[in-house]
């Protein structure tokens, strides 16, 4: 089970918005991000973060967000 969720995808993507809203409805702290610059500092207080993405989100965008989360997690120990 995850403690929080990052949904990666375009702001205008209906699919991405639905994923985000589903996560919120499940009661999880959730953020919709397009880029690593959108990651909130608050996300790093969670040990287990799920990452999902809209159907049309490019793999490179998802990979970049995942890499940033992993890098910060290692720095924070």
PDB file of N, CA and C in Angstrom:
ATOM      1  N   UNK A   1       0.846  -1.178   0.000  1.00  0.00           N
ATOM      2  CA  UNK A   1       0.000   0.000   0.000  1.00  0.00           C
ATOM      3  C   UNK A   1       0.895   1.247   0.000  1.00  0.00           C
ATOM      4  N   UNK A   2       0.501   2.225  -0.772  1.00  0.00           N
ATOM      5  CA  UNK A   2       1.266   3.471  -0.833  1.00  0.00           C
ATOM      6  C   UNK A   2       0.702   4.489   0.153  1.00  0.00           C
ATOM      7  N   UNK A   3       1.544   5.449   0.513  1.00  0.00           N
ATOM      8  CA  UNK A   3       1.129   6.517   1.420  1.00  0.00           C
ATOM      9  C   UNK A   3       0.684   7.762   0.675  1.00  0.00           C
ATOM     10  N   UNK A   4       1.152   7.913  -0.557  1.00  0.00           N
ATOM     11  CA  UNK A   4       0.837   9.086  -1.372  1.00  0.00           C
ATOM     12  C   UNK A   4       0.997   8.701  -2.842  1.00  0.00           C
ATOM     13  N   UNK A   5       0.442   9.538  -3.718  1.00  0.00           N
ATOM     14  CA  UNK A   5       0.469   9.228  -5.151  1.00  0.00           C
ATOM     15  C   UNK A   5       0.866  10.453  -5.966  1.00  0.00           C
ATOM     16  N   UNK A   6       1.735  10.212  -6.940  1.00  0.00           N
ATOM     17  CA  UNK A   6       2.083  11.213  -7.945  1.00  0.00           C
ATOM     18  C   UNK A   6       1.453  10.749  -9.252  1.00  0.00           C
ATOM     19  N   UNK A   7       0.686  11.619  -9.884  1.00  0.00           N
ATOM     20  CA  UNK A   7       0.102  11.328 -11.193  1.00  0.00           C
ATOM     21  C   UNK A   7       0.813  12.221 -12.204  1.00  0.00           C
ATOM     22  N   UNK A   8       1.481  11.602 -13.161  1.00  0.00           N
ATOM     23  CA  UNK A   8       2.259  12.338 -14.151  1.00  0.00           C
ATOM     24  C   UNK A   8       1.451  12.460 -15.438  1.00  0.00           C
ATOM     25  N   UNK A   9       1.370  13.685 -15.946  1.00  0.00           N
ATOM     26  CA  UNK A   9       0.683  13.875 -17.221  1.00  0.00           C
ATOM     27  C   UNK A   9       0.303  15.318 -17.448  1.00  0.00           C
ATOM     28  N   UNK A  10      -0.145  15.582 -18.646  1.00  0.00           N
ATOM     29  CA  UNK A  10      -0.510  16.934 -19.039  1.00  0.00           C
ATOM     30  C   UNK A  10      -1.710  17.474 -18.281  1.00  0.00           C
ATOM     31  N   UNK A  11      -1.704  18.759 -18.032  1.00  0.00           N
ATOM     32  CA  UNK A  11      -2.801  19.408 -17.308  1.00  0.00           C
ATOM     33  C   UNK A  11      -4.138  19.291 -18.040  1.00  0.00           C
ATOM     34  N   UNK A  12      -4.094  19.175 -19.352  1.00  0.00           N
ATOM     35  CA  UNK A  12      -5.326  19.108 -20.135  1.00  0.00           C
ATOM     36  C   UNK A  12      -5.765  17.685 -20.442  1.00  0.00           C
ATOM     37  N   UNK A  13      -5.084  16.703 -19.879  1.00  0.00           N
ATOM     38  CA  UNK A  13      -5.411  15.302 -20.134  1.00  0.00           C
ATOM     39  C   UNK A  13      -6.560  14.854 -19.237  1.00  0.00           C
ATOM     40  N   UNK A  14      -7.678  14.494 -19.856  1.00  0.00           N
ATOM     41  CA  UNK A  14      -8.840  14.028 -19.091  1.00  0.00           C
ATOM     42  C   UNK A  14      -8.508  12.739 -18.347  1.00  0.00           C
ATOM     43  N   UNK A  15      -7.776  11.847 -18.981  1.00  0.00           N
ATOM     44  CA  UNK A  15      -7.385  10.586 -18.362  1.00  0.00           C
ATOM     45  C   UNK A  15      -6.534  10.820 -17.118  1.00  0.00           C
ATOM     46  N   UNK A  16      -5.567  11.718 -17.225  1.00  0.00           N
ATOM     47  CA  UNK A  16      -4.690  12.028 -16.095  1.00  0.00           C
ATOM     48  C   UNK A  16      -5.489  12.650 -14.957  1.00  0.00           C
ATOM     49  N   UNK A  17      -6.407  13.538 -15.293  1.00  0.00           N
ATOM     50  CA  UNK A  17      -7.257  14.153 -14.257  1.00  0.00           C
ATOM     51  C   UNK A  17      -8.085  13.097 -13.538  1.00  0.00           C
ATOM     52  N   UNK A  18      -8.622  12.130 -14.289  1.00  0.00           N
ATOM     53  CA  UNK A  18      -9.424  11.071 -13.662  1.00  0.00           C
ATOM     54  C   UNK A  18      -8.570  10.218 -12.719  1.00  0.00           C
ATOM     55  N   UNK A  19      -7.361   9.915 -13.130  1.00  0.00           N
ATOM     56  CA  UNK A  19      -6.463   9.164 -12.243  1.00  0.00           C
ATOM     57  C   UNK A  19      -6.194   9.937 -10.954  1.00  0.00           C
ATOM     58  N   UNK A  20      -5.927  11.221 -11.099  1.00  0.00           N
ATOM     59  CA  UNK A  20      -5.678  12.077  -9.934  1.00  0.00           C
ATOM     60  C   UNK A  20      -6.900  12.090  -9.010  1.00  0.00           C
ATOM     61  N   UNK A  21      -8.080  12.302  -9.588  1.00  0.00           N
ATOM     62  CA  UNK A  21      -9.297  12.361  -8.776  1.00  0.00           C
ATOM     63  C   UNK A  21      -9.601  11.023  -8.106  1.00  0.00           C
ATOM     64  N   UNK A  22      -9.302   9.923  -8.759  1.00  0.00           N
ATOM     65  CA  UNK A  22      -9.493   8.599  -8.154  1.00  0.00           C
ATOM     66  C   UNK A  22      -8.596   8.426  -6.936  1.00  0.00           C
ATOM     67  N   UNK A  23      -7.384   8.907  -7.040  1.00  0.00           N
ATOM     68  CA  UNK A  23      -6.440   8.823  -5.936  1.00  0.00           C
ATOM     69  C   UNK A  23      -6.903   9.674  -4.754  1.00  0.00           C
ATOM     70  N   UNK A  24      -7.362  10.875  -5.065  1.00  0.00           N
ATOM     71  CA  UNK A  24      -7.889  11.759  -4.018  1.00  0.00           C
ATOM     72  C   UNK A  24      -9.105  11.116  -3.353  1.00  0.00           C
ATOM     73  N   UNK A  25      -9.990  10.561  -4.169  1.00  0.00           N
ATOM     74  CA  UNK A  25     -11.205   9.918  -3.650  1.00  0.00           C
ATOM     75  C   UNK A  25     -10.861   8.738  -2.739  1.00  0.00           C
ATOM     76  N   UNK A  26      -9.744   8.079  -3.021  1.00  0.00           N
ATOM     77  CA  UNK A  26      -9.294   6.963  -2.182  1.00  0.00           C
ATOM     78  C   UNK A  26      -8.708   7.448  -0.859  1.00  0.00           C
ATOM     79  N   UNK A  27      -8.598   8.768  -0.702  1.00  0.00           N
ATOM     80  CA  UNK A  27      -8.113   9.339   0.546  1.00  0.00           C
ATOM     81  C   UNK A  27      -6.605   9.476   0.647  1.00  0.00           C
ATOM     82  N   UNK A  28      -5.930   9.383  -0.490  1.00  0.00           N
ATOM     83  CA  UNK A  28      -4.466   9.491  -0.476  1.00  0.00           C
ATOM     84  C   UNK A  28      -4.007  10.899  -0.813  1.00  0.00           C
ATOM     85  N   UNK A  29      -2.980  11.389  -0.132  1.00  0.00           N
ATOM     86  CA  UNK A  29      -2.378  12.651  -0.565  1.00  0.00           C
ATOM     87  C   UNK A  29      -1.911  12.454  -2.008  1.00  0.00           C
ATOM     88  N   UNK A  30      -2.313  13.357  -2.887  1.00  0.00           N
ATOM     89  CA  UNK A  30      -2.059  13.165  -4.316  1.00  0.00           C
ATOM     90  C   UNK A  30      -1.658  14.465  -4.982  1.00  0.00           C
ATOM     91  N   UNK A  31      -0.794  14.329  -5.989  1.00  0.00           N
ATOM     92  CA  UNK A  31      -0.352  15.492  -6.761  1.00  0.00           C
ATOM     93  C   UNK A  31      -0.357  15.139  -8.235  1.00  0.00           C
ATOM     94  N   UNK A  32      -0.812  16.062  -9.041  1.00  0.00           N
ATOM     95  CA  UNK A  32      -0.787  15.940 -10.507  1.00  0.00           C
ATOM     96  C   UNK A  32       0.379  16.796 -10.974  1.00  0.00           C
ATOM     97  N   UNK A  33       1.378  16.163 -11.569  1.00  0.00           N
ATOM     98  CA  UNK A  33       2.571  16.890 -12.000  1.00  0.00           C
ATOM     99  C   UNK A  33       2.815  16.673 -13.491  1.00  0.00           C
ATOM    100  N   UNK A  34       3.365  17.688 -14.126  1.00  0.00           N
ATOM    101  CA  UNK A  34       3.778  17.577 -15.521  1.00  0.00           C
ATOM    102  C   UNK A  34       5.288  17.390 -15.633  1.00  0.00           C
ATOM    103  N   UNK A  35       5.995  17.816 -14.613  1.00  0.00           N
ATOM    104  CA  UNK A  35       7.456  17.855 -14.680  1.00  0.00           C
ATOM    105  C   UNK A  35       8.014  17.760 -13.266  1.00  0.00           C
ATOM    106  N   UNK A  36       9.292  17.461 -13.150  1.00  0.00           N
ATOM    107  CA  UNK A  36       9.921  17.372 -11.828  1.00  0.00           C
ATOM    108  C   UNK A  36       9.830  18.684 -11.059  1.00  0.00           C
ATOM    109  N   UNK A  37       9.734  19.789 -11.771  1.00  0.00           N
ATOM    110  CA  UNK A  37       9.639  21.083 -11.081  1.00  0.00           C
ATOM    111  C   UNK A  37       8.308  21.235 -10.352  1.00  0.00           C
ATOM    112  N   UNK A  38       7.332  20.388 -10.680  1.00  0.00           N
ATOM    113  CA  UNK A  38       6.029  20.424 -10.015  1.00  0.00           C
ATOM    114  C   UNK A  38       5.993  19.588  -8.739  1.00  0.00           C
ATOM    115  N   UNK A  39       7.037  18.803  -8.485  1.00  0.00           N
ATOM    116  CA  UNK A  39       7.037  17.950  -7.292  1.00  0.00           C
ATOM    117  C   UNK A  39       7.084  18.807  -6.033  1.00  0.00           C
ATOM    118  N   UNK A  40       6.130  18.606  -5.130  1.00  0.00           N
ATOM    119  CA  UNK A  40       6.136  19.392  -3.895  1.00  0.00           C
ATOM    120  C   UNK A  40       7.144  18.823  -2.895  1.00  0.00           C
ATOM    121  N   UNK A  41       7.731  19.679  -2.102  1.00  0.00           N
ATOM    122  CA  UNK A  41       8.660  19.219  -1.063  1.00  0.00           C
ATOM    123  C   UNK A  41       7.978  18.251  -0.104  1.00  0.00           C
ATOM    124  N   UNK A  42       6.693  18.441   0.098  1.00  0.00           N
ATOM    125  CA  UNK A  42       5.920  17.619   1.033  1.00  0.00           C
ATOM    126  C   UNK A  42       5.964  16.127   0.675  1.00  0.00           C
ATOM    127  N   UNK A  43       6.123  15.815  -0.599  1.00  0.00           N
ATOM    128  CA  UNK A  43       6.106  14.417  -1.038  1.00  0.00           C
ATOM    129  C   UNK A  43       7.225  13.609  -0.394  1.00  0.00           C
ATOM    130  N   UNK A  44       8.307  14.273  -0.032  1.00  0.00           N
ATOM    131  CA  UNK A  44       9.472  13.563   0.485  1.00  0.00           C
ATOM    132  C   UNK A  44       9.330  13.140   1.945  1.00  0.00           C
ATOM    133  N   UNK A  45       8.221  13.464   2.569  1.00  0.00           N
ATOM    134  CA  UNK A  45       7.991  12.977   3.933  1.00  0.00           C
ATOM    135  C   UNK A  45       7.366  11.576   3.932  1.00  0.00           C
ATOM    136  N   UNK A  46       6.961  11.095   2.760  1.00  0.00           N
ATOM    137  CA  UNK A  46       6.344   9.774   2.642  1.00  0.00           C
ATOM    138  C   UNK A  46       7.386   8.739   2.233  1.00  0.00           C
ATOM    139  N   UNK A  47       7.307   7.553   2.851  1.00  0.00           N
ATOM    140  CA  UNK A  47       8.265   6.496   2.530  1.00  0.00           C
ATOM    141  C   UNK A  47       7.870   5.731   1.274  1.00  0.00           C
ATOM    142  N   UNK A  48       6.574   5.584   1.046  1.00  0.00           N
ATOM    143  CA  UNK A  48       6.089   4.803  -0.091  1.00  0.00           C
ATOM    144  C   UNK A  48       5.186   5.673  -0.947  1.00  0.00           C
ATOM    145  N   UNK A  49       5.671   6.004  -2.135  1.00  0.00           N
ATOM    146  CA  UNK A  49       4.928   6.879  -3.045  1.00  0.00           C
ATOM    147  C   UNK A  49       4.644   6.119  -4.336  1.00  0.00           C
ATOM    148  N   UNK A  50       3.379   6.073  -4.715  1.00  0.00           N
ATOM    149  CA  UNK A  50       3.006   5.449  -5.977  1.00  0.00           C
ATOM    150  C   UNK A  50       3.114   6.461  -7.107  1.00  0.00           C
ATOM    151  N   UNK A  51       3.508   5.970  -8.270  1.00  0.00           N
ATOM    152  CA  UNK A  51       3.576   6.818  -9.458  1.00  0.00           C
ATOM    153  C   UNK A  51       2.696   6.185 -10.521  1.00  0.00           C
ATOM    154  N   UNK A  52       1.807   6.982 -11.084  1.00  0.00           N
ATOM    155  CA  UNK A  52       0.987   6.537 -12.201  1.00  0.00           C
ATOM    156  C   UNK A  52       0.970   7.661 -13.217  1.00  0.00           C
ATOM    157  N   UNK A  53       0.438   7.367 -14.383  1.00  0.00           N
ATOM    158  CA  UNK A  53       0.461   8.377 -15.439  1.00  0.00           C
ATOM    159  C   UNK A  53      -0.684   8.161 -16.413  1.00  0.00           C
ATOM    160  N   UNK A  54      -1.051   9.252 -17.057  1.00  0.00           N
ATOM    161  CA  UNK A  54      -2.059   9.188 -18.100  1.00  0.00           C
ATOM    162  C   UNK A  54      -1.575   8.333 -19.260  1.00  0.00           C
ATOM    163  N   UNK A  55      -2.516   7.807 -20.023  1.00  0.00           N
ATOM    164  CA  UNK A  55      -2.199   6.884 -21.120  1.00  0.00           C
ATOM    165  C   UNK A  55      -1.267   7.493 -22.166  1.00  0.00           C
ATOM    166  N   UNK A  56      -1.383   8.773 -22.414  1.00  0.00           N
ATOM    167  CA  UNK A  56      -0.565   9.394 -23.464  1.00  0.00           C
ATOM    168  C   UNK A  56       0.695  10.076 -22.926  1.00  0.00           C
ATOM    169  N   UNK A  57       0.964   9.901 -21.642  1.00  0.00           N
ATOM    170  CA  UNK A  57       2.159  10.508 -21.051  1.00  0.00           C
ATOM    171  C   UNK A  57       3.405   9.789 -21.566  1.00  0.00           C
ATOM    172  N   UNK A  58       4.346  10.523 -22.131  1.00  0.00           N
ATOM    173  CA  UNK A  58       5.565   9.884 -22.652  1.00  0.00           C
ATOM    174  C   UNK A  58       6.382   9.220 -21.538  1.00  0.00           C
ATOM    175  N   UNK A  59       6.988   8.095 -21.870  1.00  0.00           N
ATOM    176  CA  UNK A  59       7.811   7.375 -20.893  1.00  0.00           C
ATOM    177  C   UNK A  59       8.913   8.249 -20.311  1.00  0.00           C
ATOM    178  N   UNK A  60       9.527   9.103 -21.140  1.00  0.00           N
ATOM    179  CA  UNK A  60      10.620   9.941 -20.650  1.00  0.00           C
ATOM    180  C   UNK A  60      10.150  10.870 -19.540  1.00  0.00           C
ATOM    181  N   UNK A  61       8.887  11.320 -19.600  1.00  0.00           N
ATOM    182  CA  UNK A  61       8.361  12.222 -18.576  1.00  0.00           C
ATOM    183  C   UNK A  61       8.187  11.463 -17.254  1.00  0.00           C
ATOM    184  N   UNK A  62       7.659  10.263 -17.345  1.00  0.00           N
ATOM    185  CA  UNK A  62       7.470   9.422 -16.161  1.00  0.00           C
ATOM    186  C   UNK A  62       8.832   9.062 -15.564  1.00  0.00           C
ATOM    187  N   UNK A  63       9.762   8.659 -16.426  1.00  0.00           N
ATOM    188  CA  UNK A  63      11.107   8.281 -15.972  1.00  0.00           C
ATOM    189  C   UNK A  63      11.804   9.429 -15.257  1.00  0.00           C
ATOM    190  N   UNK A  64      11.643  10.626 -15.758  1.00  0.00           N
ATOM    191  CA  UNK A  64      12.283  11.799 -15.161  1.00  0.00           C
ATOM    192  C   UNK A  64      11.744  12.055 -13.744  1.00  0.00           C
ATOM    193  N   UNK A  65      10.423  11.943 -13.585  1.00  0.00           N
ATOM    194  CA  UNK A  65       9.816  12.139 -12.262  1.00  0.00           C
ATOM    195  C   UNK A  65      10.273  11.036 -11.309  1.00  0.00           C
ATOM    196  N   UNK A  66      10.265   9.798 -11.783  1.00  0.00           N
ATOM    197  CA  UNK A  66      10.710   8.686 -10.944  1.00  0.00           C
ATOM    198  C   UNK A  66      12.170   8.861 -10.519  1.00  0.00           C
ATOM    199  N   UNK A  67      13.022   9.250 -11.450  1.00  0.00           N
ATOM    200  CA  UNK A  67      14.443   9.441 -11.137  1.00  0.00           C
ATOM    201  C   UNK A  67      14.639  10.537 -10.092  1.00  0.00           C
ATOM    202  N   UNK A  68      13.888  11.606 -10.200  1.00  0.00           N
ATOM    203  CA  UNK A  68      14.002  12.700  -9.229  1.00  0.00           C
ATOM    204  C   UNK A  68      13.555  12.248  -7.844  1.00  0.00           C
ATOM    205  N   UNK A  69      12.462  11.495  -7.775  1.00  0.00           N
ATOM    206  CA  UNK A  69      11.995  10.973  -6.486  1.00  0.00           C
ATOM    207  C   UNK A  69      13.048  10.057  -5.863  1.00  0.00           C
ATOM    208  N   UNK A  70      13.637   9.188  -6.666  1.00  0.00           N
ATOM    209  CA  UNK A  70      14.659   8.272  -6.161  1.00  0.00           C
ATOM    210  C   UNK A  70      15.903   9.029  -5.693  1.00  0.00           C
ATOM    211  N   UNK A  71      16.312  10.022  -6.458  1.00  0.00           N
ATOM    212  CA  UNK A  71      17.491  10.819  -6.095  1.00  0.00           C
ATOM    213  C   UNK A  71      17.271  11.524  -4.760  1.00  0.00           C
ATOM    214  N   UNK A  72      16.130  12.154  -4.607  1.00  0.00           N
ATOM    215  CA  UNK A  72      15.831  12.868  -3.361  1.00  0.00           C
ATOM    216  C   UNK A  72      15.710  11.904  -2.190  1.00  0.00           C
ATOM    217  N   UNK A  73      15.131  10.736  -2.424  1.00  0.00           N
ATOM    218  CA  UNK A  73      14.995   9.740  -1.355  1.00  0.00           C
ATOM    219  C   UNK A  73      16.367   9.301  -0.855  1.00  0.00           C
ATOM    220  N   UNK A  74      17.315   9.123  -1.764  1.00  0.00           N
ATOM    221  CA  UNK A  74      18.671   8.733  -1.372  1.00  0.00           C
ATOM    222  C   UNK A  74      19.366   9.853  -0.600  1.00  0.00           C
ATOM    223  N   UNK A  75      19.149  11.086  -1.020  1.00  0.00           N
ATOM    224  CA  UNK A  75      19.758  12.220  -0.322  1.00  0.00           C
ATOM    225  C   UNK A  75      19.210  12.375   1.086  1.00  0.00           C
ATOM    226  N   UNK A  76      17.912  12.075   1.243  1.00  0.00           N
ATOM    227  CA  UNK A  76      17.277  12.221   2.550  1.00  0.00           C
ATOM    228  C   UNK A  76      17.541  11.019   3.452  1.00  0.00           C
ATOM    229  N   UNK A  77      18.036   9.947   2.871  1.00  0.00           N
ATOM    230  CA  UNK A  77      18.387   8.763   3.646  1.00  0.00           C
ATOM    231  C   UNK A  77      17.199   7.972   3.984  1.00  0.00           C
TER     232      UNK A  77
END
